[in-house]
N, C-alpha and C. Protein backbone atom coordinates (compact mmCIF):
# COMPACT_ATOMS: atom_id res chain seq x y z
N MET A 1 16.08 7.25 -26.59
CA MET A 1 16.00 8.60 -26.07
C MET A 1 14.57 8.95 -25.71
N ASN A 2 13.63 8.68 -26.62
CA ASN A 2 12.23 8.98 -26.38
C ASN A 2 11.71 8.20 -25.17
N PHE A 3 12.13 6.93 -25.04
CA PHE A 3 11.73 6.09 -23.92
C PHE A 3 12.20 6.71 -22.60
N SER A 4 13.41 7.24 -22.56
CA SER A 4 13.95 7.85 -21.34
C SER A 4 13.14 9.07 -20.93
N LYS A 5 12.72 9.87 -21.89
CA LYS A 5 11.90 11.05 -21.57
C LYS A 5 10.56 10.63 -21.00
N LYS A 6 9.97 9.57 -21.55
CA LYS A 6 8.68 9.08 -21.03
C LYS A 6 8.85 8.57 -19.61
N ARG A 7 9.92 7.83 -19.35
CA ARG A 7 10.17 7.29 -18.02
C ARG A 7 10.37 8.42 -17.01
N ILE A 8 11.15 9.43 -17.37
CA ILE A 8 11.38 10.57 -16.49
C ILE A 8 10.07 11.30 -16.23
N GLY A 9 9.26 11.45 -17.28
CA GLY A 9 7.97 12.12 -17.12
C GLY A 9 7.06 11.35 -16.18
N MET A 10 7.02 10.03 -16.31
CA MET A 10 6.18 9.19 -15.45
C MET A 10 6.65 9.27 -14.00
N ILE A 11 7.95 9.22 -13.79
CA ILE A 11 8.49 9.31 -12.44
C ILE A 11 8.14 10.67 -11.84
N SER A 12 8.24 11.73 -12.63
CA SER A 12 7.90 13.07 -12.14
C SER A 12 6.44 13.17 -11.73
N ILE A 13 5.56 12.58 -12.53
CA ILE A 13 4.13 12.60 -12.21
C ILE A 13 3.87 11.83 -10.92
N LEU A 14 4.44 10.63 -10.81
CA LEU A 14 4.24 9.83 -9.60
C LEU A 14 4.80 10.52 -8.37
N LEU A 15 5.95 11.17 -8.50
CA LEU A 15 6.53 11.90 -7.39
C LEU A 15 5.60 13.04 -6.96
N GLY A 16 5.04 13.76 -7.94
CA GLY A 16 4.11 14.85 -7.64
C GLY A 16 2.87 14.35 -6.93
N ILE A 17 2.32 13.24 -7.38
CA ILE A 17 1.14 12.65 -6.74
C ILE A 17 1.47 12.25 -5.32
N THR A 18 2.58 11.58 -5.14
CA THR A 18 2.97 11.08 -3.82
C THR A 18 3.19 12.21 -2.84
N ILE A 19 3.97 13.20 -3.22
CA ILE A 19 4.27 14.30 -2.32
C ILE A 19 3.03 15.16 -2.08
N GLY A 20 2.28 15.45 -3.12
CA GLY A 20 1.11 16.30 -2.99
C GLY A 20 -0.01 15.65 -2.20
N SER A 21 -0.23 14.38 -2.36
CA SER A 21 -1.34 13.71 -1.71
C SER A 21 -0.99 13.14 -0.35
N ALA A 22 0.20 12.66 -0.17
CA ALA A 22 0.55 11.99 1.07
C ALA A 22 0.97 12.97 2.16
N GLY A 23 1.41 14.16 1.78
CA GLY A 23 1.81 15.15 2.76
C GLY A 23 3.21 14.90 3.31
N CYS A 24 3.87 13.87 2.85
CA CYS A 24 5.23 13.61 3.29
C CYS A 24 6.02 13.09 2.11
N ALA A 25 7.31 13.32 2.14
CA ALA A 25 8.13 12.96 0.99
C ALA A 25 8.40 11.47 0.95
N LEU A 26 8.02 10.86 -0.15
CA LEU A 26 8.40 9.48 -0.44
C LEU A 26 9.26 9.55 -1.69
N PHE A 27 10.29 8.75 -1.75
CA PHE A 27 11.18 8.79 -2.89
C PHE A 27 10.76 7.72 -3.87
N VAL A 28 10.50 8.13 -5.09
CA VAL A 28 10.00 7.23 -6.11
C VAL A 28 11.15 6.45 -6.72
N ALA A 29 10.95 5.16 -6.81
CA ALA A 29 11.99 4.30 -7.39
C ALA A 29 11.84 4.26 -8.89
N ALA A 30 12.95 4.24 -9.58
CA ALA A 30 12.92 4.16 -11.04
C ALA A 30 12.52 2.76 -11.47
N GLY A 31 11.86 2.69 -12.62
CA GLY A 31 11.51 1.39 -13.17
C GLY A 31 10.33 0.73 -12.52
N ALA A 32 9.42 1.47 -11.92
CA ALA A 32 8.26 0.87 -11.26
C ALA A 32 7.36 0.23 -12.31
N GLY A 33 6.96 -1.00 -12.04
CA GLY A 33 6.07 -1.72 -12.95
C GLY A 33 4.71 -1.90 -12.33
N ALA A 34 3.76 -2.42 -13.10
CA ALA A 34 2.42 -2.65 -12.61
C ALA A 34 2.48 -3.58 -11.41
N GLY A 35 1.85 -3.16 -10.34
CA GLY A 35 1.80 -3.98 -9.14
C GLY A 35 3.01 -3.83 -8.25
N ALA A 36 4.01 -3.11 -8.66
CA ALA A 36 5.22 -2.96 -7.87
C ALA A 36 5.08 -1.76 -6.94
N GLY A 37 5.78 -1.82 -5.83
CA GLY A 37 5.83 -0.66 -4.95
C GLY A 37 6.54 0.45 -5.69
N ILE A 38 5.95 1.64 -5.69
CA ILE A 38 6.55 2.72 -6.47
C ILE A 38 7.30 3.72 -5.62
N GLY A 39 7.21 3.60 -4.32
CA GLY A 39 7.94 4.51 -3.46
C GLY A 39 8.66 3.72 -2.39
N ALA A 40 9.63 4.34 -1.78
CA ALA A 40 10.29 3.70 -0.65
C ALA A 40 9.28 3.57 0.47
N SER A 41 9.24 2.42 1.11
CA SER A 41 8.31 2.29 2.22
C SER A 41 8.78 3.20 3.34
N GLU A 42 7.83 3.61 4.16
CA GLU A 42 8.12 4.58 5.20
C GLU A 42 7.44 4.14 6.49
N TYR A 43 8.20 3.93 7.55
CA TYR A 43 7.67 3.50 8.85
C TYR A 43 7.73 4.67 9.80
N ILE A 44 6.56 5.19 10.16
CA ILE A 44 6.49 6.34 11.05
C ILE A 44 5.40 6.09 12.08
N ARG A 45 5.75 6.30 13.35
CA ARG A 45 4.80 6.18 14.46
C ARG A 45 3.99 4.88 14.40
N GLY A 46 4.66 3.78 14.13
CA GLY A 46 4.02 2.47 14.16
C GLY A 46 3.24 2.08 12.92
N GLU A 47 3.34 2.89 11.87
CA GLU A 47 2.58 2.63 10.64
C GLU A 47 3.54 2.55 9.45
N LEU A 48 3.39 1.47 8.65
CA LEU A 48 4.24 1.30 7.46
C LEU A 48 3.44 1.65 6.22
N LYS A 49 3.92 2.66 5.47
CA LYS A 49 3.25 3.13 4.25
C LYS A 49 4.00 2.64 3.02
N GLN A 50 3.23 2.27 2.00
CA GLN A 50 3.82 1.86 0.72
C GLN A 50 2.82 2.20 -0.39
N ALA A 51 3.29 2.88 -1.44
CA ALA A 51 2.45 3.17 -2.61
C ALA A 51 2.70 2.08 -3.65
N TYR A 52 1.62 1.64 -4.29
CA TYR A 52 1.69 0.62 -5.33
C TYR A 52 1.14 1.16 -6.65
N ALA A 53 1.77 0.76 -7.74
CA ALA A 53 1.30 1.12 -9.08
C ALA A 53 0.22 0.12 -9.48
N ALA A 54 -0.93 0.25 -8.82
CA ALA A 54 -2.07 -0.65 -9.06
C ALA A 54 -3.35 0.08 -8.66
N PRO A 55 -4.44 -0.20 -9.37
CA PRO A 55 -5.71 0.43 -9.00
C PRO A 55 -6.24 -0.08 -7.67
N MET A 56 -7.17 0.66 -7.10
CA MET A 56 -7.73 0.34 -5.78
C MET A 56 -8.25 -1.10 -5.71
N GLU A 57 -9.07 -1.52 -6.65
CA GLU A 57 -9.71 -2.84 -6.58
C GLU A 57 -8.67 -3.96 -6.55
N LYS A 58 -7.67 -3.86 -7.39
CA LYS A 58 -6.62 -4.88 -7.45
C LYS A 58 -5.83 -4.90 -6.14
N THR A 59 -5.54 -3.73 -5.60
CA THR A 59 -4.78 -3.64 -4.35
C THR A 59 -5.61 -4.15 -3.18
N TRP A 60 -6.90 -3.87 -3.19
CA TRP A 60 -7.83 -4.36 -2.16
C TRP A 60 -7.82 -5.89 -2.15
N ASN A 61 -7.98 -6.49 -3.32
CA ASN A 61 -7.98 -7.95 -3.42
C ASN A 61 -6.64 -8.54 -2.98
N ALA A 62 -5.54 -7.89 -3.34
CA ALA A 62 -4.21 -8.35 -2.93
C ALA A 62 -4.04 -8.24 -1.41
N SER A 63 -4.62 -7.22 -0.81
CA SER A 63 -4.54 -7.03 0.64
C SER A 63 -5.35 -8.10 1.38
N LEU A 64 -6.55 -8.38 0.88
CA LEU A 64 -7.38 -9.42 1.48
C LEU A 64 -6.69 -10.78 1.36
N ALA A 65 -6.09 -11.05 0.21
CA ALA A 65 -5.38 -12.31 0.00
C ALA A 65 -4.17 -12.41 0.95
N ALA A 66 -3.44 -11.31 1.10
CA ALA A 66 -2.28 -11.29 2.00
C ALA A 66 -2.71 -11.59 3.43
N ALA A 67 -3.81 -11.00 3.87
CA ALA A 67 -4.31 -11.25 5.22
C ALA A 67 -4.63 -12.74 5.39
N GLY A 68 -5.27 -13.33 4.40
CA GLY A 68 -5.60 -14.75 4.45
C GLY A 68 -4.36 -15.63 4.48
N GLU A 69 -3.38 -15.31 3.65
CA GLU A 69 -2.15 -16.10 3.58
C GLU A 69 -1.36 -16.04 4.88
N LEU A 70 -1.47 -14.92 5.60
CA LEU A 70 -0.76 -14.75 6.87
C LEU A 70 -1.63 -15.17 8.06
N LYS A 71 -2.77 -15.80 7.78
CA LYS A 71 -3.69 -16.32 8.80
C LYS A 71 -4.23 -15.22 9.72
N MET A 72 -4.42 -14.04 9.14
CA MET A 72 -5.01 -12.92 9.87
C MET A 72 -6.53 -13.05 9.74
N LYS A 73 -7.25 -12.63 10.75
CA LYS A 73 -8.70 -12.77 10.74
C LYS A 73 -9.38 -11.40 10.68
N PRO A 74 -9.81 -10.98 9.49
CA PRO A 74 -10.51 -9.70 9.39
C PRO A 74 -11.85 -9.75 10.13
N THR A 75 -12.13 -8.71 10.91
CA THR A 75 -13.41 -8.59 11.61
C THR A 75 -14.24 -7.44 11.06
N GLU A 76 -13.58 -6.56 10.32
CA GLU A 76 -14.28 -5.39 9.77
C GLU A 76 -13.64 -5.01 8.43
N LYS A 77 -14.50 -4.77 7.44
CA LYS A 77 -14.06 -4.29 6.13
C LYS A 77 -14.95 -3.10 5.78
N SER A 78 -14.33 -2.00 5.39
CA SER A 78 -15.14 -0.82 5.07
C SER A 78 -14.64 -0.13 3.81
N ILE A 79 -15.60 0.47 3.09
CA ILE A 79 -15.33 1.23 1.87
C ILE A 79 -16.10 2.54 1.99
N ASP A 80 -15.42 3.67 1.77
CA ASP A 80 -16.13 4.95 1.86
C ASP A 80 -17.04 5.15 0.64
N ASN A 81 -17.91 6.13 0.74
CA ASN A 81 -18.91 6.39 -0.31
C ASN A 81 -18.30 6.68 -1.68
N LEU A 82 -17.17 7.31 -1.72
CA LEU A 82 -16.54 7.67 -3.00
C LEU A 82 -15.54 6.61 -3.46
N ASP A 83 -15.38 5.55 -2.68
CA ASP A 83 -14.43 4.47 -2.95
C ASP A 83 -13.01 5.01 -3.12
N GLN A 84 -12.66 6.00 -2.30
CA GLN A 84 -11.30 6.53 -2.29
C GLN A 84 -10.49 5.92 -1.15
N ASN A 85 -11.20 5.40 -0.14
CA ASN A 85 -10.56 4.81 1.03
C ASN A 85 -11.24 3.50 1.37
N ARG A 86 -10.43 2.51 1.70
CA ARG A 86 -10.93 1.21 2.16
C ARG A 86 -10.09 0.80 3.36
N GLU A 87 -10.68 -0.05 4.20
CA GLU A 87 -9.97 -0.44 5.41
C GLU A 87 -10.34 -1.86 5.81
N ILE A 88 -9.34 -2.59 6.30
CA ILE A 88 -9.52 -3.93 6.83
C ILE A 88 -8.99 -3.89 8.27
N LYS A 89 -9.80 -4.36 9.22
CA LYS A 89 -9.37 -4.44 10.62
C LYS A 89 -9.61 -5.85 11.11
N GLY A 90 -8.81 -6.28 12.07
CA GLY A 90 -9.00 -7.60 12.63
C GLY A 90 -7.90 -7.97 13.59
N LYS A 91 -7.64 -9.30 13.69
CA LYS A 91 -6.63 -9.84 14.60
C LYS A 91 -5.64 -10.69 13.82
N THR A 92 -4.38 -10.60 14.21
CA THR A 92 -3.36 -11.47 13.63
C THR A 92 -3.53 -12.86 14.24
N ASP A 93 -2.78 -13.83 13.73
CA ASP A 93 -2.85 -15.18 14.29
C ASP A 93 -2.30 -15.23 15.71
N GLU A 94 -1.53 -14.20 16.12
CA GLU A 94 -1.03 -14.11 17.50
C GLU A 94 -1.96 -13.31 18.40
N GLY A 95 -3.09 -12.84 17.86
CA GLY A 95 -4.07 -12.11 18.67
C GLY A 95 -3.88 -10.61 18.73
N LYS A 96 -2.93 -10.06 17.97
CA LYS A 96 -2.73 -8.60 17.95
C LYS A 96 -3.73 -7.97 16.99
N ASP A 97 -4.18 -6.76 17.31
CA ASP A 97 -5.04 -6.01 16.39
C ASP A 97 -4.23 -5.59 15.18
N PHE A 98 -4.88 -5.54 14.02
CA PHE A 98 -4.23 -5.00 12.83
C PHE A 98 -5.20 -4.12 12.07
N GLN A 99 -4.61 -3.23 11.28
CA GLN A 99 -5.37 -2.34 10.40
C GLN A 99 -4.59 -2.19 9.11
N ILE A 100 -5.29 -2.41 7.98
CA ILE A 100 -4.72 -2.17 6.66
C ILE A 100 -5.62 -1.12 6.00
N ALA A 101 -5.08 0.06 5.77
CA ALA A 101 -5.86 1.16 5.19
C ALA A 101 -5.35 1.45 3.78
N LEU A 102 -6.28 1.53 2.83
CA LEU A 102 -5.94 1.81 1.44
C LEU A 102 -6.51 3.16 1.04
N LYS A 103 -5.73 3.92 0.28
CA LYS A 103 -6.18 5.22 -0.21
C LYS A 103 -5.83 5.33 -1.68
N ALA A 104 -6.83 5.63 -2.50
CA ALA A 104 -6.59 5.81 -3.94
C ALA A 104 -5.90 7.16 -4.14
N MET A 105 -4.66 7.11 -4.63
CA MET A 105 -3.91 8.35 -4.89
C MET A 105 -4.24 8.85 -6.30
N SER A 106 -4.54 7.93 -7.19
CA SER A 106 -4.98 8.22 -8.55
C SER A 106 -5.66 6.95 -9.05
N LYS A 107 -6.04 6.94 -10.31
CA LYS A 107 -6.70 5.76 -10.89
C LYS A 107 -5.82 4.52 -10.80
N ASP A 108 -4.52 4.69 -10.93
CA ASP A 108 -3.59 3.56 -10.99
C ASP A 108 -2.54 3.54 -9.89
N VAL A 109 -2.73 4.30 -8.84
CA VAL A 109 -1.80 4.33 -7.71
C VAL A 109 -2.60 4.25 -6.41
N THR A 110 -2.23 3.28 -5.56
CA THR A 110 -2.91 3.10 -4.28
C THR A 110 -1.87 3.10 -3.16
N MET A 111 -2.14 3.87 -2.11
CA MET A 111 -1.29 3.91 -0.92
C MET A 111 -1.86 2.90 0.08
N VAL A 112 -0.99 2.07 0.65
CA VAL A 112 -1.39 1.10 1.66
C VAL A 112 -0.64 1.40 2.95
N LYS A 113 -1.40 1.55 4.05
CA LYS A 113 -0.81 1.79 5.37
C LYS A 113 -1.17 0.59 6.25
N VAL A 114 -0.16 0.05 6.92
CA VAL A 114 -0.35 -1.11 7.78
C VAL A 114 0.08 -0.76 9.20
N ARG A 115 -0.77 -1.12 10.16
CA ARG A 115 -0.44 -0.95 11.58
C ARG A 115 -0.78 -2.25 12.31
N ILE A 116 0.14 -2.69 13.15
CA ILE A 116 -0.06 -3.87 13.99
C ILE A 116 -0.03 -3.40 15.44
N GLY A 117 -1.10 -3.69 16.18
CA GLY A 117 -1.17 -3.29 17.59
C GLY A 117 -1.22 -1.79 17.75
N VAL A 118 -1.10 -1.36 18.99
CA VAL A 118 -1.18 0.07 19.30
C VAL A 118 0.09 0.80 18.89
N PHE A 119 1.22 0.18 19.15
CA PHE A 119 2.50 0.86 18.92
C PHE A 119 3.17 0.45 17.61
N GLY A 120 2.61 -0.52 16.92
CA GLY A 120 3.17 -0.96 15.65
C GLY A 120 4.16 -2.10 15.82
N ASP A 121 4.38 -2.78 14.72
CA ASP A 121 5.35 -3.89 14.65
C ASP A 121 5.93 -3.83 13.24
N GLU A 122 7.11 -3.24 13.12
CA GLU A 122 7.67 -2.98 11.80
C GLU A 122 7.92 -4.26 11.01
N ALA A 123 8.45 -5.30 11.66
CA ALA A 123 8.76 -6.54 10.95
C ALA A 123 7.48 -7.20 10.42
N TYR A 124 6.45 -7.26 11.24
CA TYR A 124 5.19 -7.88 10.81
C TYR A 124 4.55 -7.04 9.70
N SER A 125 4.60 -5.72 9.85
CA SER A 125 4.04 -4.83 8.82
C SER A 125 4.75 -5.03 7.49
N LYS A 126 6.07 -5.24 7.52
CA LYS A 126 6.82 -5.48 6.29
C LYS A 126 6.39 -6.79 5.64
N ARG A 127 6.13 -7.82 6.45
CA ARG A 127 5.67 -9.10 5.90
C ARG A 127 4.34 -8.92 5.17
N ILE A 128 3.45 -8.13 5.76
CA ILE A 128 2.16 -7.88 5.12
C ILE A 128 2.35 -7.14 3.80
N GLN A 129 3.16 -6.08 3.81
CA GLN A 129 3.41 -5.31 2.59
C GLN A 129 4.06 -6.19 1.52
N GLU A 130 4.96 -7.08 1.91
CA GLU A 130 5.59 -7.98 0.95
C GLU A 130 4.58 -8.93 0.33
N GLU A 131 3.64 -9.44 1.13
CA GLU A 131 2.61 -10.35 0.63
C GLU A 131 1.67 -9.59 -0.33
N ILE A 132 1.35 -8.35 0.02
CA ILE A 132 0.51 -7.54 -0.88
C ILE A 132 1.23 -7.37 -2.22
N ALA A 133 2.50 -7.02 -2.17
CA ALA A 133 3.29 -6.83 -3.40
C ALA A 133 3.34 -8.12 -4.21
N ASN A 134 3.54 -9.24 -3.55
CA ASN A 134 3.58 -10.54 -4.25
C ASN A 134 2.25 -10.85 -4.92
N ASN A 135 1.15 -10.56 -4.24
CA ASN A 135 -0.17 -10.81 -4.79
C ASN A 135 -0.48 -9.89 -5.97
N LEU A 136 0.06 -8.70 -5.96
CA LEU A 136 -0.15 -7.77 -7.07
C LEU A 136 0.57 -8.24 -8.33
N LYS A 137 1.61 -9.03 -8.17
CA LYS A 137 2.39 -9.52 -9.31
C LYS A 137 1.72 -10.71 -9.99
N LYS A 138 0.76 -11.31 -9.32
CA LYS A 138 0.09 -12.52 -9.85
C LYS A 138 -0.87 -12.17 -10.96
């Protein structure tokens, strides 16, 4: 019983962070573990968003590893002064532009947004998000 109350409380907190910070409703999945995606991914206007239950540094490293595993070539990496936002830009192995943007939602939650090309590529973006999730589990 006590465990259920803690789980409900954690889900409520994550839902509040996601809705309050992202500006759009993401539905939080029950049973989110460390490194797992904690919200339903959302593809809007060519950009695929996914929140992860992982700190910024770990998610950054997982994103860089995913880019390498998918033979993407980063040409630009940036970190803002407060280390709340990080970004990777470059070219896919097919020559399309890509952007992976990370935003710290809290100490242990990071939002990752992926865009391929100007208009987006949902299937390719999903592959990147899946690789990030796999790397977070390692």
